[in-house]
Amino acid sequence: MRILIIEDEPDLLSALTQALREEGYAVDTASDGREGLYKAQIAVYDALVLDLMIPQLDGWQVLKELRQGGSTVPVLILTARDALPDRVRGLDAGADDYLVKPYELKELLARLRALIRRGAGKPSSILQLGGIAVDTAGKRVSKDGAPVALTGREYALVEFLALHRGEMLSRTEIYDHLFDEEDDSLSNLLDVHVCNVRKKLGKKFILTRRGQGYTLGDGGPGGDDDV
């Protein structure tokens, strides 16, 4: 999952970026509203973390421009402005959630997970795919009740596909949600992760449709699923 943080406090921005990356998220950052709005308009994100008191364009204006432009990306406002009128204004302006500084990291992570699930139309934290269960709260995957060890990026791939089960996802769509702006878009990282997930969860778990992309299969045994 790919997150954009728009925050002008350098220490907070650095700490939050590191924390989210440790949780397996791909993270882009912006330190002012104009840069943040630009990135939000040209890239695909699963959620935005938005401070209100940022330079050039404040958070209110960023949110207004996004919603007027038709963006439905989930937005979590993270701000020191804790007055009730500010919270109401933020939610009425199109924010999906509102968290006041100082905050507990566990709560912020839980709120982000909930926003991402709701954005994909999956309210439950457990995504059941036949014998494979994806626990989005614990960032764990099990097969027939047994835990499966996945790297952070492998888990992110499985979660993204699970949240969009039944959809055909292009390589570009998947790449845009799994990797941030610092990753090499010409690399074969996606192919490597797909191969590794198939080894761990079954060759039929991820199906390839040449010229179209990837979709989830049933996870059962079998030969090469490329068609």
C-alpha atoms as a PDB file:
ATOM      1  CA  MET A   1       0.000   0.000   0.000  1.00  0.00           C
ATOM      2  CA  ARG A   2       1.265   3.468  -0.915  1.00  0.00           C
ATOM      3  CA  ILE A   3       0.871   6.455   1.410  1.00  0.00           C
ATOM      4  CA  LEU A   4       1.525  10.172   0.878  1.00  0.00           C
ATOM      5  CA  ILE A   5       2.433  12.206   3.973  1.00  0.00           C
ATOM      6  CA  ILE A   6       2.035  15.989   3.702  1.00  0.00           C
ATOM      7  CA  GLU A   7       3.725  17.450   6.781  1.00  0.00           C
ATOM      8  CA  ASP A   8       6.089  20.399   7.318  1.00  0.00           C
ATOM      9  CA  GLU A   9       7.645  19.388  10.659  1.00  0.00           C
ATOM     10  CA  PRO A  10      10.898  17.664   9.584  1.00  0.00           C
ATOM     11  CA  ASP A  11      11.310  15.485  12.669  1.00  0.00           C
ATOM     12  CA  LEU A  12       7.718  14.306  12.635  1.00  0.00           C
ATOM     13  CA  LEU A  13       7.800  13.711   8.886  1.00  0.00           C
ATOM     14  CA  SER A  14      10.976  11.633   9.188  1.00  0.00           C
ATOM     15  CA  ALA A  15       9.711   9.605  12.152  1.00  0.00           C
ATOM     16  CA  LEU A  16       6.336   8.900  10.586  1.00  0.00           C
ATOM     17  CA  THR A  17       7.893   7.965   7.245  1.00  0.00           C
ATOM     18  CA  GLN A  18      10.221   5.492   8.936  1.00  0.00           C
ATOM     19  CA  ALA A  19       7.403   4.006  11.017  1.00  0.00           C
ATOM     20  CA  LEU A  20       5.159   3.467   7.999  1.00  0.00           C
ATOM     21  CA  ARG A  21       7.957   1.935   5.956  1.00  0.00           C
ATOM     22  CA  GLU A  22       8.707  -0.439   8.810  1.00  0.00           C
ATOM     23  CA  GLU A  23       5.056  -1.481   8.582  1.00  0.00           C
ATOM     24  CA  GLY A  24       5.561  -2.361   4.924  1.00  0.00           C
ATOM     25  CA  TYR A  25       4.048   0.732   3.323  1.00  0.00           C
ATOM     26  CA  ALA A  26       5.534   2.508   0.329  1.00  0.00           C
ATOM     27  CA  VAL A  27       5.779   6.153   1.406  1.00  0.00           C
ATOM     28  CA  ASP A  28       6.106   9.441  -0.467  1.00  0.00           C
ATOM     29  CA  THR A  29       6.437  12.760   1.325  1.00  0.00           C
ATOM     30  CA  ALA A  30       5.819  16.463   0.800  1.00  0.00           C
ATOM     31  CA  SER A  31       6.724  19.325   3.130  1.00  0.00           C
ATOM     32  CA  ASP A  32       4.285  21.916   1.790  1.00  0.00           C
ATOM     33  CA  GLY A  33       0.773  21.972   0.415  1.00  0.00           C
ATOM     34  CA  ARG A  34       1.642  22.823  -3.159  1.00  0.00           C
ATOM     35  CA  GLU A  35       4.081  19.928  -3.509  1.00  0.00           C
ATOM     36  CA  GLY A  36       1.660  17.614  -1.715  1.00  0.00           C
ATOM     37  CA  LEU A  37      -1.256  18.525  -3.958  1.00  0.00           C
ATOM     38  CA  TYR A  38       0.876  18.012  -7.058  1.00  0.00           C
ATOM     39  CA  LYS A  39       1.983  14.539  -5.948  1.00  0.00           C
ATOM     40  CA  ALA A  40      -1.555  13.572  -4.957  1.00  0.00           C
ATOM     41  CA  GLN A  41      -2.799  14.581  -8.396  1.00  0.00           C
ATOM     42  CA  ILE A  42      -0.177  12.760 -10.489  1.00  0.00           C
ATOM     43  CA  ALA A  43       0.332   9.549  -8.492  1.00  0.00           C
ATOM     44  CA  VAL A  44      -1.920   6.846  -7.089  1.00  0.00           C
ATOM     45  CA  TYR A  45      -2.172   6.517  -3.310  1.00  0.00           C
ATOM     46  CA  ASP A  46      -4.100   4.256  -0.980  1.00  0.00           C
ATOM     47  CA  ALA A  47      -4.283   6.998   1.662  1.00  0.00           C
ATOM     48  CA  LEU A  48      -3.033  10.491   2.488  1.00  0.00           C
ATOM     49  CA  VAL A  49      -1.856  11.749   5.871  1.00  0.00           C
ATOM     50  CA  LEU A  50      -2.438  15.510   5.801  1.00  0.00           C
ATOM     51  CA  ASP A  51      -1.417  18.225   8.239  1.00  0.00           C
ATOM     52  CA  LEU A  52      -3.574  21.340   8.177  1.00  0.00           C
ATOM     53  CA  MET A  53      -0.994  24.001   9.073  1.00  0.00           C
ATOM     54  CA  ILE A  54       1.417  23.659   6.154  1.00  0.00           C
ATOM     55  CA  PRO A  55       3.002  26.384   3.993  1.00  0.00           C
ATOM     56  CA  GLN A  56       2.081  27.588   0.500  1.00  0.00           C
ATOM     57  CA  LEU A  57      -1.295  25.802   0.469  1.00  0.00           C
ATOM     58  CA  ASP A  58      -2.780  24.876   3.823  1.00  0.00           C
ATOM     59  CA  GLY A  59      -4.401  21.511   4.409  1.00  0.00           C
ATOM     60  CA  TRP A  60      -7.894  22.893   3.922  1.00  0.00           C
ATOM     61  CA  GLN A  61      -7.015  24.107   0.430  1.00  0.00           C
ATOM     62  CA  VAL A  62      -5.249  20.865  -0.484  1.00  0.00           C
ATOM     63  CA  LEU A  63      -8.309  18.886   0.562  1.00  0.00           C
ATOM     64  CA  LYS A  64     -10.651  21.230  -1.297  1.00  0.00           C
ATOM     65  CA  GLU A  65      -8.637  20.999  -4.527  1.00  0.00           C
ATOM     66  CA  LEU A  66      -8.470  17.205  -4.311  1.00  0.00           C
ATOM     67  CA  ARG A  67     -12.185  16.722  -3.769  1.00  0.00           C
ATOM     68  CA  GLN A  68     -13.180  19.282  -6.385  1.00  0.00           C
ATOM     69  CA  GLY A  69     -10.917  17.436  -8.815  1.00  0.00           C
ATOM     70  CA  GLY A  70     -12.790  14.205  -8.160  1.00  0.00           C
ATOM     71  CA  SER A  71     -10.181  12.447  -6.031  1.00  0.00           C
ATOM     72  CA  THR A  72     -11.628   9.816  -3.681  1.00  0.00           C
ATOM     73  CA  VAL A  73      -8.337   8.910  -1.977  1.00  0.00           C
ATOM     74  CA  PRO A  74      -8.891   8.366   1.764  1.00  0.00           C
ATOM     75  CA  VAL A  75      -7.525  11.312   3.770  1.00  0.00           C
ATOM     76  CA  LEU A  76      -6.482  11.222   7.410  1.00  0.00           C
ATOM     77  CA  ILE A  77      -6.005  14.694   8.854  1.00  0.00           C
ATOM     78  CA  LEU A  78      -3.169  14.762  11.403  1.00  0.00           C
ATOM     79  CA  THR A  79      -3.018  18.094  13.182  1.00  0.00           C
ATOM     80  CA  ALA A  80      -2.542  19.929  16.445  1.00  0.00           C
ATOM     81  CA  ARG A  81      -5.830  21.792  15.876  1.00  0.00           C
ATOM     82  CA  ASP A  82      -8.099  19.947  18.284  1.00  0.00           C
ATOM     83  CA  ALA A  83     -11.053  22.345  18.582  1.00  0.00           C
ATOM     84  CA  LEU A  84     -14.431  20.855  17.701  1.00  0.00           C
ATOM     85  CA  PRO A  85     -15.097  23.378  14.881  1.00  0.00           C
ATOM     86  CA  ASP A  86     -11.799  22.366  13.240  1.00  0.00           C
ATOM     87  CA  ARG A  87     -12.656  18.667  13.412  1.00  0.00           C
ATOM     88  CA  VAL A  88     -16.122  19.287  11.990  1.00  0.00           C
ATOM     89  CA  ARG A  89     -14.724  21.514   9.241  1.00  0.00           C
ATOM     90  CA  GLY A  90     -12.154  18.898   8.271  1.00  0.00           C
ATOM     91  CA  LEU A  91     -14.672  16.080   8.022  1.00  0.00           C
ATOM     92  CA  ASP A  92     -17.203  18.243   6.171  1.00  0.00           C
ATOM     93  CA  ALA A  93     -14.471  19.314   3.740  1.00  0.00           C
ATOM     94  CA  GLY A  94     -13.987  15.729   2.640  1.00  0.00           C
ATOM     95  CA  ALA A  95     -11.543  14.185   5.101  1.00  0.00           C
ATOM     96  CA  ASP A  96     -12.271  10.602   6.080  1.00  0.00           C
ATOM     97  CA  ASP A  97     -10.757  10.703   9.555  1.00  0.00           C
ATOM     98  CA  TYR A  98      -9.170  13.182  11.966  1.00  0.00           C
ATOM     99  CA  LEU A  99      -6.392  12.509  14.480  1.00  0.00           C
ATOM    100  CA  VAL A 100      -5.016  15.128  16.878  1.00  0.00           C
ATOM    101  CA  LYS A 101      -1.325  15.542  17.732  1.00  0.00           C
ATOM    102  CA  PRO A 102       0.269  14.217  19.840  1.00  0.00           C
ATOM    103  CA  TYR A 103      -0.938  10.801  18.754  1.00  0.00           C
ATOM    104  CA  GLU A 104      -0.185   7.163  19.477  1.00  0.00           C
ATOM    105  CA  LEU A 105       1.429   5.400  16.512  1.00  0.00           C
ATOM    106  CA  LYS A 106      -0.682   2.279  17.050  1.00  0.00           C
ATOM    107  CA  GLU A 107      -3.854   4.311  16.691  1.00  0.00           C
ATOM    108  CA  LEU A 108      -2.636   6.076  13.567  1.00  0.00           C
ATOM    109  CA  LEU A 109      -1.717   2.744  11.964  1.00  0.00           C
ATOM    110  CA  ALA A 110      -5.097   1.256  12.867  1.00  0.00           C
ATOM    111  CA  ARG A 111      -6.926   4.243  11.408  1.00  0.00           C
ATOM    112  CA  LEU A 112      -4.919   4.002   8.185  1.00  0.00           C
ATOM    113  CA  ARG A 113      -5.663   0.282   7.864  1.00  0.00           C
ATOM    114  CA  ALA A 114      -9.364   0.963   8.344  1.00  0.00           C
ATOM    115  CA  LEU A 115      -9.360   3.748   5.750  1.00  0.00           C
ATOM    116  CA  ILE A 116      -7.594   1.549   3.208  1.00  0.00           C
ATOM    117  CA  ARG A 117      -9.999  -1.354   3.786  1.00  0.00           C
ATOM    118  CA  ARG A 118     -13.066   0.861   3.508  1.00  0.00           C
ATOM    119  CA  GLY A 119     -11.652   2.475   0.383  1.00  0.00           C
ATOM    120  CA  ALA A 120     -11.497  -0.992  -1.171  1.00  0.00           C
ATOM    121  CA  GLY A 121     -14.944  -1.949   0.105  1.00  0.00           C
ATOM    122  CA  LYS A 122     -13.584  -4.520   2.590  1.00  0.00           C
ATOM    123  CA  PRO A 123     -14.667  -3.548   6.128  1.00  0.00           C
ATOM    124  CA  SER A 124     -13.335  -6.712   7.826  1.00  0.00           C
ATOM    125  CA  SER A 125      -9.693  -6.910   8.894  1.00  0.00           C
ATOM    126  CA  ILE A 126      -9.598 -10.611   7.888  1.00  0.00           C
ATOM    127  CA  LEU A 127      -9.715 -11.338   4.161  1.00  0.00           C
ATOM    128  CA  GLN A 128     -10.536 -15.011   3.568  1.00  0.00           C
ATOM    129  CA  LEU A 129      -9.401 -16.456   0.228  1.00  0.00           C
ATOM    130  CA  GLY A 130     -10.284 -20.125   0.356  1.00  0.00           C
ATOM    131  CA  GLY A 131      -7.729 -21.717   2.648  1.00  0.00           C
ATOM    132  CA  ILE A 132      -5.649 -18.546   2.742  1.00  0.00           C
ATOM    133  CA  ALA A 133      -6.392 -15.839   5.306  1.00  0.00           C
ATOM    134  CA  VAL A 134      -4.953 -12.324   5.154  1.00  0.00           C
ATOM    135  CA  ASP A 135      -4.960 -10.525   8.501  1.00  0.00           C
ATOM    136  CA  THR A 136      -4.648  -6.848   7.594  1.00  0.00           C
ATOM    137  CA  ALA A 137      -4.441  -5.778  11.238  1.00  0.00           C
ATOM    138  CA  GLY A 138      -1.616  -8.123  12.144  1.00  0.00           C
ATOM    139  CA  LYS A 139      -0.008  -7.999   8.693  1.00  0.00           C
ATOM    140  CA  ARG A 140      -0.008 -11.811   8.650  1.00  0.00           C
ATOM    141  CA  VAL A 141      -0.950 -14.500   6.157  1.00  0.00           C
ATOM    142  CA  SER A 142      -1.865 -18.095   6.929  1.00  0.00           C
ATOM    143  CA  LYS A 143      -2.575 -21.084   4.719  1.00  0.00           C
ATOM    144  CA  ASP A 144      -4.872 -23.797   6.056  1.00  0.00           C
ATOM    145  CA  GLY A 145      -4.343 -22.342   9.520  1.00  0.00           C
ATOM    146  CA  ALA A 146      -0.540 -22.390   9.374  1.00  0.00           C
ATOM    147  CA  PRO A 147       1.372 -19.075   9.305  1.00  0.00           C
ATOM    148  CA  VAL A 148       3.269 -18.267   6.112  1.00  0.00           C
ATOM    149  CA  ALA A 149       6.435 -16.150   6.376  1.00  0.00           C
ATOM    150  CA  LEU A 150       6.343 -13.297   3.867  1.00  0.00           C
ATOM    151  CA  THR A 151       8.627 -10.317   3.427  1.00  0.00           C
ATOM    152  CA  GLY A 152       7.106  -6.867   3.796  1.00  0.00           C
ATOM    153  CA  ARG A 153       6.765  -6.362   0.049  1.00  0.00           C
ATOM    154  CA  GLU A 154       5.405  -9.892  -0.475  1.00  0.00           C
ATOM    155  CA  TYR A 155       2.759  -9.220   2.155  1.00  0.00           C
ATOM    156  CA  ALA A 156       1.909  -5.862   0.547  1.00  0.00           C
ATOM    157  CA  LEU A 157       1.400  -7.601  -2.799  1.00  0.00           C
ATOM    158  CA  VAL A 158      -0.869 -10.243  -1.270  1.00  0.00           C
ATOM    159  CA  GLU A 159      -2.892  -7.643   0.642  1.00  0.00           C
ATOM    160  CA  PHE A 160      -3.357  -5.434  -2.404  1.00  0.00           C
ATOM    161  CA  LEU A 161      -4.522  -8.339  -4.552  1.00  0.00           C
ATOM    162  CA  ALA A 162      -6.809  -9.559  -1.765  1.00  0.00           C
ATOM    163  CA  LEU A 163      -8.395  -6.136  -1.341  1.00  0.00           C
ATOM    164  CA  HIS A 164      -9.104  -6.142  -5.071  1.00  0.00           C
ATOM    165  CA  ARG A 165     -10.096  -9.770  -5.481  1.00  0.00           C
ATOM    166  CA  GLY A 166     -12.049 -10.365  -8.678  1.00  0.00           C
ATOM    167  CA  GLU A 167     -10.334  -7.506 -10.499  1.00  0.00           C
ATOM    168  CA  MET A 168      -7.725  -7.754 -13.231  1.00  0.00           C
ATOM    169  CA  LEU A 169      -4.873  -5.513 -12.128  1.00  0.00           C
ATOM    170  CA  SER A 170      -2.270  -4.276 -14.569  1.00  0.00           C
ATOM    171  CA  ARG A 171       1.429  -4.334 -13.751  1.00  0.00           C
ATOM    172  CA  THR A 172       1.364  -0.540 -13.632  1.00  0.00           C
ATOM    173  CA  GLU A 173      -1.513  -0.478 -11.134  1.00  0.00           C
ATOM    174  CA  ILE A 174       0.227  -2.931  -8.835  1.00  0.00           C
ATOM    175  CA  TYR A 175       3.573  -1.189  -9.129  1.00  0.00           C
ATOM    176  CA  ASP A 176       2.001   2.189  -8.364  1.00  0.00           C
ATOM    177  CA  HIS A 177       0.538   0.856  -5.114  1.00  0.00           C
ATOM    178  CA  LEU A 178       3.521  -1.184  -3.909  1.00  0.00           C
ATOM    179  CA  PHE A 179       6.488   1.061  -4.656  1.00  0.00           C
ATOM    180  CA  ASP A 180       7.235   4.679  -3.840  1.00  0.00           C
ATOM    181  CA  GLU A 181       8.853   7.419  -5.900  1.00  0.00           C
ATOM    182  CA  GLU A 182      12.355   6.327  -4.910  1.00  0.00           C
ATOM    183  CA  ASP A 183      12.020   2.827  -6.372  1.00  0.00           C
ATOM    184  CA  ASP A 184      13.276   1.963  -9.844  1.00  0.00           C
ATOM    185  CA  SER A 185      10.241   1.633 -12.090  1.00  0.00           C
ATOM    186  CA  LEU A 186      12.310  -0.265 -14.672  1.00  0.00           C
ATOM    187  CA  SER A 187      13.326  -3.030 -12.282  1.00  0.00           C
ATOM    188  CA  ASN A 188      11.929  -6.559 -12.194  1.00  0.00           C
ATOM    189  CA  LEU A 189      11.025  -6.321  -8.497  1.00  0.00           C
ATOM    190  CA  LEU A 190       7.357  -7.083  -9.136  1.00  0.00           C
ATOM    191  CA  ASP A 191       8.192 -10.260 -11.055  1.00  0.00           C
ATOM    192  CA  VAL A 192      10.441 -11.406  -8.221  1.00  0.00           C
ATOM    193  CA  HIS A 193       7.754 -10.820  -5.595  1.00  0.00           C
ATOM    194  CA  VAL A 194       5.062 -12.572  -7.658  1.00  0.00           C
ATOM    195  CA  CYS A 195       7.352 -15.572  -8.113  1.00  0.00           C
ATOM    196  CA  ASN A 196       8.153 -15.750  -4.393  1.00  0.00           C
ATOM    197  CA  VAL A 197       4.490 -15.480  -3.359  1.00  0.00           C
ATOM    198  CA  ARG A 198       3.570 -18.302  -5.725  1.00  0.00           C
ATOM    199  CA  LYS A 199       6.239 -20.495  -4.168  1.00  0.00           C
ATOM    200  CA  LYS A 200       4.820 -19.871  -0.699  1.00  0.00           C
ATOM    201  CA  LEU A 201       1.073 -19.799  -1.366  1.00  0.00           C
ATOM    202  CA  GLY A 202       0.701 -21.931  -4.474  1.00  0.00           C
ATOM    203  CA  LYS A 203       1.226 -21.453  -8.173  1.00  0.00           C
ATOM    204  CA  LYS A 204      -2.479 -20.810  -8.698  1.00  0.00           C
ATOM    205  CA  PHE A 205      -2.693 -18.098  -6.074  1.00  0.00           C
ATOM    206  CA  ILE A 206      -1.666 -15.356  -8.497  1.00  0.00           C
ATOM    207  CA  LEU A 207      -2.746 -15.816 -12.102  1.00  0.00           C
ATOM    208  CA  THR A 208      -1.215 -13.971 -15.035  1.00  0.00           C
ATOM    209  CA  ARG A 209      -3.233 -12.873 -18.050  1.00  0.00           C
ATOM    210  CA  ARG A 210      -0.767 -11.889 -20.731  1.00  0.00           C
ATOM    211  CA  GLY A 211      -1.332  -8.360 -21.920  1.00  0.00           C
ATOM    212  CA  GLN A 212      -3.767  -7.670 -19.056  1.00  0.00           C
ATOM    213  CA  GLY A 213      -2.077  -8.207 -15.707  1.00  0.00           C
ATOM    214  CA  TYR A 214      -2.619 -10.243 -12.554  1.00  0.00           C
ATOM    215  CA  THR A 215      -5.590 -11.537 -10.610  1.00  0.00           C
ATOM    216  CA  LEU A 216      -6.094 -13.905  -7.708  1.00  0.00           C
ATOM    217  CA  GLY A 217      -6.725 -17.587  -8.309  1.00  0.00           C
ATOM    218  CA  ASP A 218      -7.727 -20.254  -5.810  1.00  0.00           C
ATOM    219  CA  GLY A 219      -4.275 -20.854  -4.331  1.00  0.00           C
ATOM    220  CA  GLY A 220      -4.390 -24.542  -5.043  1.00  0.00           C
ATOM    221  CA  PRO A 221      -1.637 -26.747  -6.482  1.00  0.00           C
ATOM    222  CA  GLY A 222      -0.977 -26.879 -10.147  1.00  0.00           C
ATOM    223  CA  GLY A 223       1.353 -25.982 -12.959  1.00  0.00           C
ATOM    224  CA  ASP A 224       2.122 -22.646 -14.554  1.00  0.00           C
ATOM    225  CA  ASP A 225      -0.989 -20.483 -14.579  1.00  0.00           C
ATOM    226  CA  ASP A 226       0.103 -18.042 -17.285  1.00  0.00           C
ATOM    227  CA  VAL A 227      -2.302 -17.994 -20.178  1.00  0.00           C
END
